[in-house]
Amino acid sequence: MEVIVLASPDLVCQRAARMVARLVRGKPDAVLGLPTGNTPRATYDELGRLHREEGLSFARAGAFGLDEYVGIAPDHPGAFRRTLQETLYRQIDLPLGRIHSPDGQASDLPAACARYEAEIAESGGLDMVVLGLGTDGHIAFNEPTSSFGSRTRIKTLADETRAANQAAFGAEPVPHHAITVGIATILEARRCLLLAFGSAKAAAVAQMVEGPLTALVPASALQLHPHATILVDEAAATGLALRSYYAAVAAAKPDWQRED
């Protein structure tokens, strides 16, 4: 696991966008796993800028949304499919036919989950999965106690998670259930890139990076991944005991490993 501490959230998001761009330029048909929420928004805006101003093309790429609520329409203001459309897809040239989202309205939800998992496999697997981090250590909607062997499935959302997503639903209640890609699916991605910033994420970052491998902190599963990069700002890094070591690693990285 590589931990990179940057001075601000903006620098975290800019670095993340450059890493995605480098992948897509080197492999134009790259398949991405993409989150929603506030964390990746500035990254998506930067990818849009790179597309408009520097010719970054997603015309051959593919994208899989990491999760979706059960029981709401795709055009609902809280739907993650709509959020990705508004925050990223409309800014780039990713073809509609290469955009995939879990079907939270399916009549047979377990079958829909199995189909989604099969679609990821048929695409050749995820080249990069971009992740946010919940304050309770969840990634995608894999809540605490999620199995490290889990695949795309239905999850019951924790009250903390529902409260964090209330703004998109106004006075409506946030659904209790969602479809999410599983931890095993995330760990099969060729590259994992997690973004976190703000003091509210500091405890989860420390538990993920330096704590024990435990299902109580689903993000700790990234310790098992051979190519996981954690991008955090100074505030989110305050709980890291080895903060100075991570800085030394970054400073001593050979040129052929550098991505900045």
C-alpha atoms as a PDB file:
ATOM      1  CA  MET A   1       0.000   0.000   0.000  1.00  0.00           C
ATOM      2  CA  GLU A   2       1.360   3.397  -1.018  1.00  0.00           C
ATOM      3  CA  VAL A   3       0.326   6.382   1.105  1.00  0.00           C
ATOM      4  CA  ILE A   4       0.732   9.858  -0.393  1.00  0.00           C
ATOM      5  CA  VAL A   5       0.002  12.882   1.803  1.00  0.00           C
ATOM      6  CA  LEU A   6      -0.706  16.149   0.002  1.00  0.00           C
ATOM      7  CA  ALA A   7      -1.275  19.632   1.320  1.00  0.00           C
ATOM      8  CA  SER A   8      -4.938  20.094   0.389  1.00  0.00           C
ATOM      9  CA  PRO A   9      -8.052  18.345  -0.946  1.00  0.00           C
ATOM     10  CA  ASP A  10      -7.566  20.106  -4.283  1.00  0.00           C
ATOM     11  CA  LEU A  11      -4.108  18.601  -4.653  1.00  0.00           C
ATOM     12  CA  VAL A  12      -5.480  15.158  -3.748  1.00  0.00           C
ATOM     13  CA  CYS A  13      -8.113  15.403  -6.463  1.00  0.00           C
ATOM     14  CA  GLN A  14      -5.694  16.773  -9.049  1.00  0.00           C
ATOM     15  CA  ARG A  15      -3.229  13.954  -8.375  1.00  0.00           C
ATOM     16  CA  ALA A  16      -6.029  11.392  -8.639  1.00  0.00           C
ATOM     17  CA  ALA A  17      -7.160  12.836 -11.978  1.00  0.00           C
ATOM     18  CA  ARG A  18      -3.603  12.665 -13.324  1.00  0.00           C
ATOM     19  CA  MET A  19      -3.377   9.004 -12.313  1.00  0.00           C
ATOM     20  CA  VAL A  20      -6.646   8.185 -14.065  1.00  0.00           C
ATOM     21  CA  ALA A  21      -5.536  10.161 -17.119  1.00  0.00           C
ATOM     22  CA  ARG A  22      -2.201   8.372 -17.248  1.00  0.00           C
ATOM     23  CA  LEU A  23      -3.987   5.015 -17.212  1.00  0.00           C
ATOM     24  CA  VAL A  24      -6.441   5.995 -19.964  1.00  0.00           C
ATOM     25  CA  ARG A  25      -3.722   7.482 -22.172  1.00  0.00           C
ATOM     26  CA  GLY A  26      -1.644   4.334 -21.833  1.00  0.00           C
ATOM     27  CA  LYS A  27      -4.606   1.985 -22.198  1.00  0.00           C
ATOM     28  CA  PRO A  28      -7.431   3.735 -24.089  1.00  0.00           C
ATOM     29  CA  ASP A  29      -9.848   0.827 -23.485  1.00  0.00           C
ATOM     30  CA  ALA A  30      -9.305   0.906 -19.715  1.00  0.00           C
ATOM     31  CA  VAL A  31     -12.243  -0.127 -17.518  1.00  0.00           C
ATOM     32  CA  LEU A  32     -12.863   2.051 -14.474  1.00  0.00           C
ATOM     33  CA  GLY A  33     -14.820   1.449 -11.288  1.00  0.00           C
ATOM     34  CA  LEU A  34     -16.242   4.791 -10.165  1.00  0.00           C
ATOM     35  CA  PRO A  35     -17.718   6.131  -6.926  1.00  0.00           C
ATOM     36  CA  THR A  36     -20.088   8.986  -6.213  1.00  0.00           C
ATOM     37  CA  GLY A  37     -20.285  11.300  -3.227  1.00  0.00           C
ATOM     38  CA  ASN A  38     -18.510  14.568  -2.538  1.00  0.00           C
ATOM     39  CA  THR A  39     -14.978  13.145  -2.459  1.00  0.00           C
ATOM     40  CA  PRO A  40     -14.470  12.520  -6.212  1.00  0.00           C
ATOM     41  CA  ARG A  41     -16.275  15.593  -7.554  1.00  0.00           C
ATOM     42  CA  ALA A  42     -13.199  17.760  -7.989  1.00  0.00           C
ATOM     43  CA  THR A  43     -11.380  14.800  -9.547  1.00  0.00           C
ATOM     44  CA  TYR A  44     -14.182  14.443 -12.075  1.00  0.00           C
ATOM     45  CA  ASP A  45     -14.085  18.168 -12.825  1.00  0.00           C
ATOM     46  CA  GLU A  46     -10.347  17.911 -13.484  1.00  0.00           C
ATOM     47  CA  LEU A  47     -10.893  14.934 -15.800  1.00  0.00           C
ATOM     48  CA  GLY A  48     -13.439  17.037 -17.654  1.00  0.00           C
ATOM     49  CA  ARG A  49     -10.886  19.812 -17.992  1.00  0.00           C
ATOM     50  CA  LEU A  50      -8.249  17.383 -19.248  1.00  0.00           C
ATOM     51  CA  HIS A  51     -10.733  16.149 -21.851  1.00  0.00           C
ATOM     52  CA  ARG A  52     -11.663  19.640 -23.031  1.00  0.00           C
ATOM     53  CA  GLU A  53      -8.245  21.301 -22.901  1.00  0.00           C
ATOM     54  CA  GLU A  54      -5.709  18.498 -23.322  1.00  0.00           C
ATOM     55  CA  GLY A  55      -7.512  15.986 -25.507  1.00  0.00           C
ATOM     56  CA  LEU A  56      -7.910  13.204 -22.940  1.00  0.00           C
ATOM     57  CA  SER A  57     -10.344  10.781 -24.587  1.00  0.00           C
ATOM     58  CA  PHE A  58     -12.558   8.161 -22.969  1.00  0.00           C
ATOM     59  CA  ALA A  59     -14.059   7.073 -26.298  1.00  0.00           C
ATOM     60  CA  ARG A  60     -12.798   3.503 -25.923  1.00  0.00           C
ATOM     61  CA  ALA A  61     -12.930   3.291 -22.137  1.00  0.00           C
ATOM     62  CA  GLY A  62     -15.596   1.694 -19.971  1.00  0.00           C
ATOM     63  CA  ALA A  63     -17.031   2.558 -16.569  1.00  0.00           C
ATOM     64  CA  PHE A  64     -18.867   0.675 -13.845  1.00  0.00           C
ATOM     65  CA  GLY A  65     -20.587   2.562 -11.061  1.00  0.00           C
ATOM     66  CA  LEU A  66     -19.721   0.990  -7.731  1.00  0.00           C
ATOM     67  CA  ASP A  67     -23.163   1.123  -6.163  1.00  0.00           C
ATOM     68  CA  GLU A  68     -26.792   2.174  -6.422  1.00  0.00           C
ATOM     69  CA  TYR A  69     -29.752   2.490  -4.092  1.00  0.00           C
ATOM     70  CA  VAL A  70     -32.505  -0.102  -4.231  1.00  0.00           C
ATOM     71  CA  GLY A  71     -35.940   1.050  -5.294  1.00  0.00           C
ATOM     72  CA  ILE A  72     -35.323   4.508  -6.764  1.00  0.00           C
ATOM     73  CA  ALA A  73     -35.549   5.555 -10.400  1.00  0.00           C
ATOM     74  CA  PRO A  74     -32.355   6.276 -12.389  1.00  0.00           C
ATOM     75  CA  ASP A  75     -33.374   9.950 -12.696  1.00  0.00           C
ATOM     76  CA  HIS A  76     -34.028  10.404  -8.970  1.00  0.00           C
ATOM     77  CA  PRO A  77     -31.848  13.229  -7.540  1.00  0.00           C
ATOM     78  CA  GLY A  78     -30.256  10.729  -5.163  1.00  0.00           C
ATOM     79  CA  ALA A  79     -29.562   8.057  -7.768  1.00  0.00           C
ATOM     80  CA  PHE A  80     -25.873   7.410  -8.225  1.00  0.00           C
ATOM     81  CA  ARG A  81     -26.361   6.796 -11.938  1.00  0.00           C
ATOM     82  CA  ARG A  82     -27.696  10.341 -12.266  1.00  0.00           C
ATOM     83  CA  THR A  83     -24.930  11.721 -10.041  1.00  0.00           C
ATOM     84  CA  LEU A  84     -22.200  10.179 -12.199  1.00  0.00           C
ATOM     85  CA  GLN A  85     -23.910  11.521 -15.305  1.00  0.00           C
ATOM     86  CA  GLU A  86     -24.021  15.048 -13.873  1.00  0.00           C
ATOM     87  CA  THR A  87     -20.575  15.102 -12.282  1.00  0.00           C
ATOM     88  CA  LEU A  88     -18.495  13.188 -14.844  1.00  0.00           C
ATOM     89  CA  TYR A  89     -20.074  11.567 -17.877  1.00  0.00           C
ATOM     90  CA  ARG A  90     -21.509  14.745 -19.356  1.00  0.00           C
ATOM     91  CA  GLN A  91     -18.040  16.317 -19.208  1.00  0.00           C
ATOM     92  CA  ILE A  92     -16.244  13.614 -21.202  1.00  0.00           C
ATOM     93  CA  ASP A  93     -16.679  11.519 -24.343  1.00  0.00           C
ATOM     94  CA  LEU A  94     -17.400   8.165 -22.690  1.00  0.00           C
ATOM     95  CA  PRO A  95     -19.931   6.371 -24.951  1.00  0.00           C
ATOM     96  CA  LEU A  96     -23.320   5.587 -23.412  1.00  0.00           C
ATOM     97  CA  GLY A  97     -22.958   1.925 -24.310  1.00  0.00           C
ATOM     98  CA  ARG A  98     -19.801   1.691 -22.190  1.00  0.00           C
ATOM     99  CA  ILE A  99     -21.465   3.048 -19.045  1.00  0.00           C
ATOM    100  CA  HIS A 100     -22.716   0.464 -16.545  1.00  0.00           C
ATOM    101  CA  SER A 101     -24.697   0.907 -13.324  1.00  0.00           C
ATOM    102  CA  PRO A 102     -26.260  -1.569 -10.901  1.00  0.00           C
ATOM    103  CA  ASP A 103     -30.000  -2.038 -11.442  1.00  0.00           C
ATOM    104  CA  GLY A 104     -31.628  -1.128  -8.149  1.00  0.00           C
ATOM    105  CA  GLN A 105     -35.111  -1.448  -9.667  1.00  0.00           C
ATOM    106  CA  ALA A 106     -34.744  -5.027 -10.900  1.00  0.00           C
ATOM    107  CA  SER A 107     -37.557  -7.406 -10.007  1.00  0.00           C
ATOM    108  CA  ASP A 108     -34.967 -10.046  -9.143  1.00  0.00           C
ATOM    109  CA  LEU A 109     -32.218  -8.201  -7.291  1.00  0.00           C
ATOM    110  CA  PRO A 110     -29.930 -11.182  -6.624  1.00  0.00           C
ATOM    111  CA  ALA A 111     -30.016 -12.030 -10.337  1.00  0.00           C
ATOM    112  CA  ALA A 112     -29.265  -8.406 -11.213  1.00  0.00           C
ATOM    113  CA  CYS A 113     -26.274  -8.475  -8.863  1.00  0.00           C
ATOM    114  CA  ALA A 114     -24.980 -11.665 -10.486  1.00  0.00           C
ATOM    115  CA  ARG A 115     -25.399 -10.118 -13.950  1.00  0.00           C
ATOM    116  CA  TYR A 116     -23.457  -7.026 -12.897  1.00  0.00           C
ATOM    117  CA  GLU A 117     -20.625  -9.133 -11.567  1.00  0.00           C
ATOM    118  CA  ALA A 118     -20.627 -11.086 -14.850  1.00  0.00           C
ATOM    119  CA  GLU A 119     -20.533  -7.852 -16.881  1.00  0.00           C
ATOM    120  CA  ILE A 120     -17.441  -6.724 -14.998  1.00  0.00           C
ATOM    121  CA  ALA A 121     -15.763 -10.059 -15.701  1.00  0.00           C
ATOM    122  CA  GLU A 122     -16.799  -9.993 -19.373  1.00  0.00           C
ATOM    123  CA  SER A 123     -15.280  -6.506 -19.730  1.00  0.00           C
ATOM    124  CA  GLY A 124     -11.913  -7.973 -18.752  1.00  0.00           C
ATOM    125  CA  GLY A 125     -12.116  -6.790 -15.150  1.00  0.00           C
ATOM    126  CA  LEU A 126     -11.521  -3.371 -13.639  1.00  0.00           C
ATOM    127  CA  ASP A 127      -8.221  -1.736 -14.547  1.00  0.00           C
ATOM    128  CA  MET A 128      -8.654   0.856 -11.817  1.00  0.00           C
ATOM    129  CA  VAL A 129     -11.208   1.297  -9.083  1.00  0.00           C
ATOM    130  CA  VAL A 130     -11.479   4.755  -7.544  1.00  0.00           C
ATOM    131  CA  LEU A 131     -12.713   4.757  -3.954  1.00  0.00           C
ATOM    132  CA  GLY A 132     -13.872   7.130  -1.279  1.00  0.00           C
ATOM    133  CA  LEU A 133     -13.765   6.253   2.410  1.00  0.00           C
ATOM    134  CA  GLY A 134     -16.598   6.321   4.914  1.00  0.00           C
ATOM    135  CA  THR A 135     -15.972   7.610   8.410  1.00  0.00           C
ATOM    136  CA  ASP A 136     -16.706   4.056   9.585  1.00  0.00           C
ATOM    137  CA  GLY A 137     -14.135   2.640   7.153  1.00  0.00           C
ATOM    138  CA  HIS A 138     -16.526   1.480   4.440  1.00  0.00           C
ATOM    139  CA  ILE A 139     -15.594   1.408   0.742  1.00  0.00           C
ATOM    140  CA  ALA A 140     -18.317   1.515  -1.886  1.00  0.00           C
ATOM    141  CA  PHE A 141     -21.300   0.417   0.244  1.00  0.00           C
ATOM    142  CA  ASN A 142     -19.414  -2.400   1.941  1.00  0.00           C
ATOM    143  CA  GLU A 143     -20.382  -1.576   5.506  1.00  0.00           C
ATOM    144  CA  PRO A 144     -18.457  -2.818   8.564  1.00  0.00           C
ATOM    145  CA  THR A 145     -18.501  -6.648   8.902  1.00  0.00           C
ATOM    146  CA  SER A 146     -18.638  -7.036   5.108  1.00  0.00           C
ATOM    147  CA  SER A 147     -16.858 -10.182   3.971  1.00  0.00           C
ATOM    148  CA  PHE A 148     -13.528  -9.762   2.232  1.00  0.00           C
ATOM    149  CA  GLY A 149     -14.781 -12.464  -0.137  1.00  0.00           C
ATOM    150  CA  SER A 150     -17.952 -10.554  -1.048  1.00  0.00           C
ATOM    151  CA  ARG A 151     -19.165  -9.920  -4.580  1.00  0.00           C
ATOM    152  CA  THR A 152     -21.819  -7.585  -5.988  1.00  0.00           C
ATOM    153  CA  ARG A 153     -24.799  -7.921  -3.694  1.00  0.00           C
ATOM    154  CA  ILE A 154     -27.499  -6.134  -1.670  1.00  0.00           C
ATOM    155  CA  LYS A 155     -26.365  -4.410   1.518  1.00  0.00           C
ATOM    156  CA  THR A 156     -28.314  -2.865   4.382  1.00  0.00           C
ATOM    157  CA  LEU A 157     -26.951   0.617   4.983  1.00  0.00           C
ATOM    158  CA  ALA A 158     -25.813   1.811   8.397  1.00  0.00           C
ATOM    159  CA  ASP A 159     -27.632   4.775   9.916  1.00  0.00           C
ATOM    160  CA  GLU A 160     -24.369   6.774   9.736  1.00  0.00           C
ATOM    161  CA  THR A 161     -24.121   6.120   6.000  1.00  0.00           C
ATOM    162  CA  ARG A 162     -27.745   7.057   5.397  1.00  0.00           C
ATOM    163  CA  ALA A 163     -27.336  10.281   7.372  1.00  0.00           C
ATOM    164  CA  ALA A 164     -24.248  11.204   5.341  1.00  0.00           C
ATOM    165  CA  ASN A 165     -26.284  10.874   2.137  1.00  0.00           C
ATOM    166  CA  GLN A 166     -29.460  12.597   3.316  1.00  0.00           C
ATOM    167  CA  ALA A 167     -28.876  15.880   1.466  1.00  0.00           C
ATOM    168  CA  ALA A 168     -29.534  14.303  -1.934  1.00  0.00           C
ATOM    169  CA  PHE A 169     -32.968  13.126  -0.765  1.00  0.00           C
ATOM    170  CA  GLY A 170     -34.280  16.310   0.840  1.00  0.00           C
ATOM    171  CA  ALA A 171     -37.185  15.418   3.109  1.00  0.00           C
ATOM    172  CA  GLU A 172     -37.410  11.877   1.711  1.00  0.00           C
ATOM    173  CA  PRO A 173     -35.864   9.030   3.684  1.00  0.00           C
ATOM    174  CA  VAL A 174     -32.653   7.569   2.294  1.00  0.00           C
ATOM    175  CA  PRO A 175     -33.247   3.952   1.215  1.00  0.00           C
ATOM    176  CA  HIS A 176     -32.179   1.295   3.681  1.00  0.00           C
ATOM    177  CA  HIS A 177     -30.706  -0.923   0.969  1.00  0.00           C
ATOM    178  CA  ALA A 178     -28.251  -0.598  -1.896  1.00  0.00           C
ATOM    179  CA  ILE A 179     -26.489  -2.759  -4.450  1.00  0.00           C
ATOM    180  CA  THR A 180     -22.722  -2.562  -4.151  1.00  0.00           C
ATOM    181  CA  VAL A 181     -19.746  -4.246  -5.754  1.00  0.00           C
ATOM    182  CA  GLY A 182     -18.055  -6.466  -3.195  1.00  0.00           C
ATOM    183  CA  ILE A 183     -14.680  -6.303  -1.549  1.00  0.00           C
ATOM    184  CA  ALA A 184     -13.389  -9.298  -3.510  1.00  0.00           C
ATOM    185  CA  THR A 185     -14.415  -7.547  -6.729  1.00  0.00           C
ATOM    186  CA  ILE A 186     -12.564  -4.406  -5.659  1.00  0.00           C
ATOM    187  CA  LEU A 187      -9.456  -6.397  -4.747  1.00  0.00           C
ATOM    188  CA  GLU A 188      -9.432  -7.989  -8.215  1.00  0.00           C
ATOM    189  CA  ALA A 189      -9.016  -4.566  -9.842  1.00  0.00           C
ATOM    190  CA  ARG A 190      -5.525  -4.104 -11.239  1.00  0.00           C
ATOM    191  CA  ARG A 191      -5.154  -0.797  -9.409  1.00  0.00           C
ATOM    192  CA  CYS A 192      -6.967   0.668  -6.401  1.00  0.00           C
ATOM    193  CA  LEU A 193      -6.946   4.417  -5.818  1.00  0.00           C
ATOM    194  CA  LEU A 194      -8.531   5.729  -2.612  1.00  0.00           C
ATOM    195  CA  LEU A 195      -9.091   9.417  -1.839  1.00  0.00           C
ATOM    196  CA  ALA A 196      -9.790  10.872   1.601  1.00  0.00           C
ATOM    197  CA  PHE A 197      -9.552  14.343   3.047  1.00  0.00           C
ATOM    198  CA  GLY A 198     -10.618  16.225   6.148  1.00  0.00           C
ATOM    199  CA  SER A 199     -10.159  15.576   9.846  1.00  0.00           C
ATOM    200  CA  ALA A 200     -13.400  13.583   9.979  1.00  0.00           C
ATOM    201  CA  LYS A 201     -11.688  10.863   7.944  1.00  0.00           C
ATOM    202  CA  ALA A 202      -8.457  10.774  10.000  1.00  0.00           C
ATOM    203  CA  ALA A 203      -9.450   7.880  12.264  1.00  0.00           C
ATOM    204  CA  ALA A 204     -10.705   5.768   9.351  1.00  0.00           C
ATOM    205  CA  VAL A 205      -7.531   6.471   7.367  1.00  0.00           C
ATOM    206  CA  ALA A 206      -5.325   5.384  10.271  1.00  0.00           C
ATOM    207  CA  GLN A 207      -7.349   2.216  10.832  1.00  0.00           C
ATOM    208  CA  MET A 208      -7.297   1.387   7.138  1.00  0.00           C
ATOM    209  CA  VAL A 209      -3.554   1.881   6.677  1.00  0.00           C
ATOM    210  CA  GLU A 210      -2.020   0.965  10.021  1.00  0.00           C
ATOM    211  CA  GLY A 211      -4.697  -0.931  11.893  1.00  0.00           C
ATOM    212  CA  PRO A 212      -5.331  -4.662  11.843  1.00  0.00           C
ATOM    213  CA  LEU A 213      -6.855  -6.382   8.849  1.00  0.00           C
ATOM    214  CA  THR A 214     -10.482  -6.604   9.945  1.00  0.00           C
ATOM    215  CA  ALA A 215     -13.966  -6.730   8.489  1.00  0.00           C
ATOM    216  CA  LEU A 216     -14.918  -4.034  10.999  1.00  0.00           C
ATOM    217  CA  VAL A 217     -12.883  -1.675   8.791  1.00  0.00           C
ATOM    218  CA  PRO A 218     -13.692  -2.850   5.257  1.00  0.00           C
ATOM    219  CA  ALA A 219     -11.100  -0.505   3.720  1.00  0.00           C
ATOM    220  CA  SER A 220      -8.355  -2.374   5.601  1.00  0.00           C
ATOM    221  CA  ALA A 221      -8.770  -5.051   2.911  1.00  0.00           C
ATOM    222  CA  LEU A 222      -6.706  -2.749   0.677  1.00  0.00           C
ATOM    223  CA  GLN A 223      -3.669  -3.861   2.696  1.00  0.00           C
ATOM    224  CA  LEU A 224      -3.984  -7.099   0.691  1.00  0.00           C
ATOM    225  CA  HIS A 225      -3.881  -5.385  -2.700  1.00  0.00           C
ATOM    226  CA  PRO A 226      -0.563  -5.387  -4.602  1.00  0.00           C
ATOM    227  CA  HIS A 227      -1.129  -1.937  -6.147  1.00  0.00           C
ATOM    228  CA  ALA A 228      -3.224   0.247  -3.855  1.00  0.00           C
ATOM    229  CA  THR A 229      -2.532   3.977  -3.612  1.00  0.00           C
ATOM    230  CA  ILE A 230      -3.992   6.078  -0.798  1.00  0.00           C
ATOM    231  CA  LEU A 231      -4.177   9.833  -1.442  1.00  0.00           C
ATOM    232  CA  VAL A 232      -4.955  11.952   1.616  1.00  0.00           C
ATOM    233  CA  ASP A 233      -4.601  15.551   2.665  1.00  0.00           C
ATOM    234  CA  GLU A 234      -2.783  16.731   5.791  1.00  0.00           C
ATOM    235  CA  ALA A 235      -5.958  16.770   7.884  1.00  0.00           C
ATOM    236  CA  ALA A 236      -6.847  13.187   7.020  1.00  0.00           C
ATOM    237  CA  ALA A 237      -3.274  12.079   7.753  1.00  0.00           C
ATOM    238  CA  THR A 238      -3.139  13.299  11.348  1.00  0.00           C
ATOM    239  CA  GLY A 239      -3.729   9.844  12.833  1.00  0.00           C
ATOM    240  CA  LEU A 240      -0.936   8.113  10.897  1.00  0.00           C
ATOM    241  CA  ALA A 241       1.901   6.980  13.145  1.00  0.00           C
ATOM    242  CA  LEU A 242       4.274   6.497  10.205  1.00  0.00           C
ATOM    243  CA  ARG A 243       3.481   9.807   8.520  1.00  0.00           C
ATOM    244  CA  SER A 244       7.167  10.755   8.183  1.00  0.00           C
ATOM    245  CA  TYR A 245       8.031   7.374   6.674  1.00  0.00           C
ATOM    246  CA  TYR A 246       5.409   7.763   3.953  1.00  0.00           C
ATOM    247  CA  ALA A 247       6.910  11.165   3.102  1.00  0.00           C
ATOM    248  CA  ALA A 248      10.378   9.603   2.916  1.00  0.00           C
ATOM    249  CA  VAL A 249       9.117   6.867   0.612  1.00  0.00           C
ATOM    250  CA  ALA A 250       7.563   9.455  -1.712  1.00  0.00           C
ATOM    251  CA  ALA A 251      10.717  11.579  -1.727  1.00  0.00           C
ATOM    252  CA  ALA A 252      13.003   8.630  -2.489  1.00  0.00           C
ATOM    253  CA  LYS A 253      10.854   7.088  -5.205  1.00  0.00           C
ATOM    254  CA  PRO A 254      12.875   6.374  -8.355  1.00  0.00           C
ATOM    255  CA  ASP A 255      11.931   8.282 -11.498  1.00  0.00           C
ATOM    256  CA  TRP A 256      10.492   5.226 -13.217  1.00  0.00           C
ATOM    257  CA  GLN A 257       7.926   4.861 -10.406  1.00  0.00           C
ATOM    258  CA  ARG A 258       6.838   8.474 -10.267  1.00  0.00           C
ATOM    259  CA  GLU A 259       3.367   9.434 -11.502  1.00  0.00           C
ATOM    260  CA  ASP A 260       3.297  13.126 -10.626  1.00  0.00           C
END
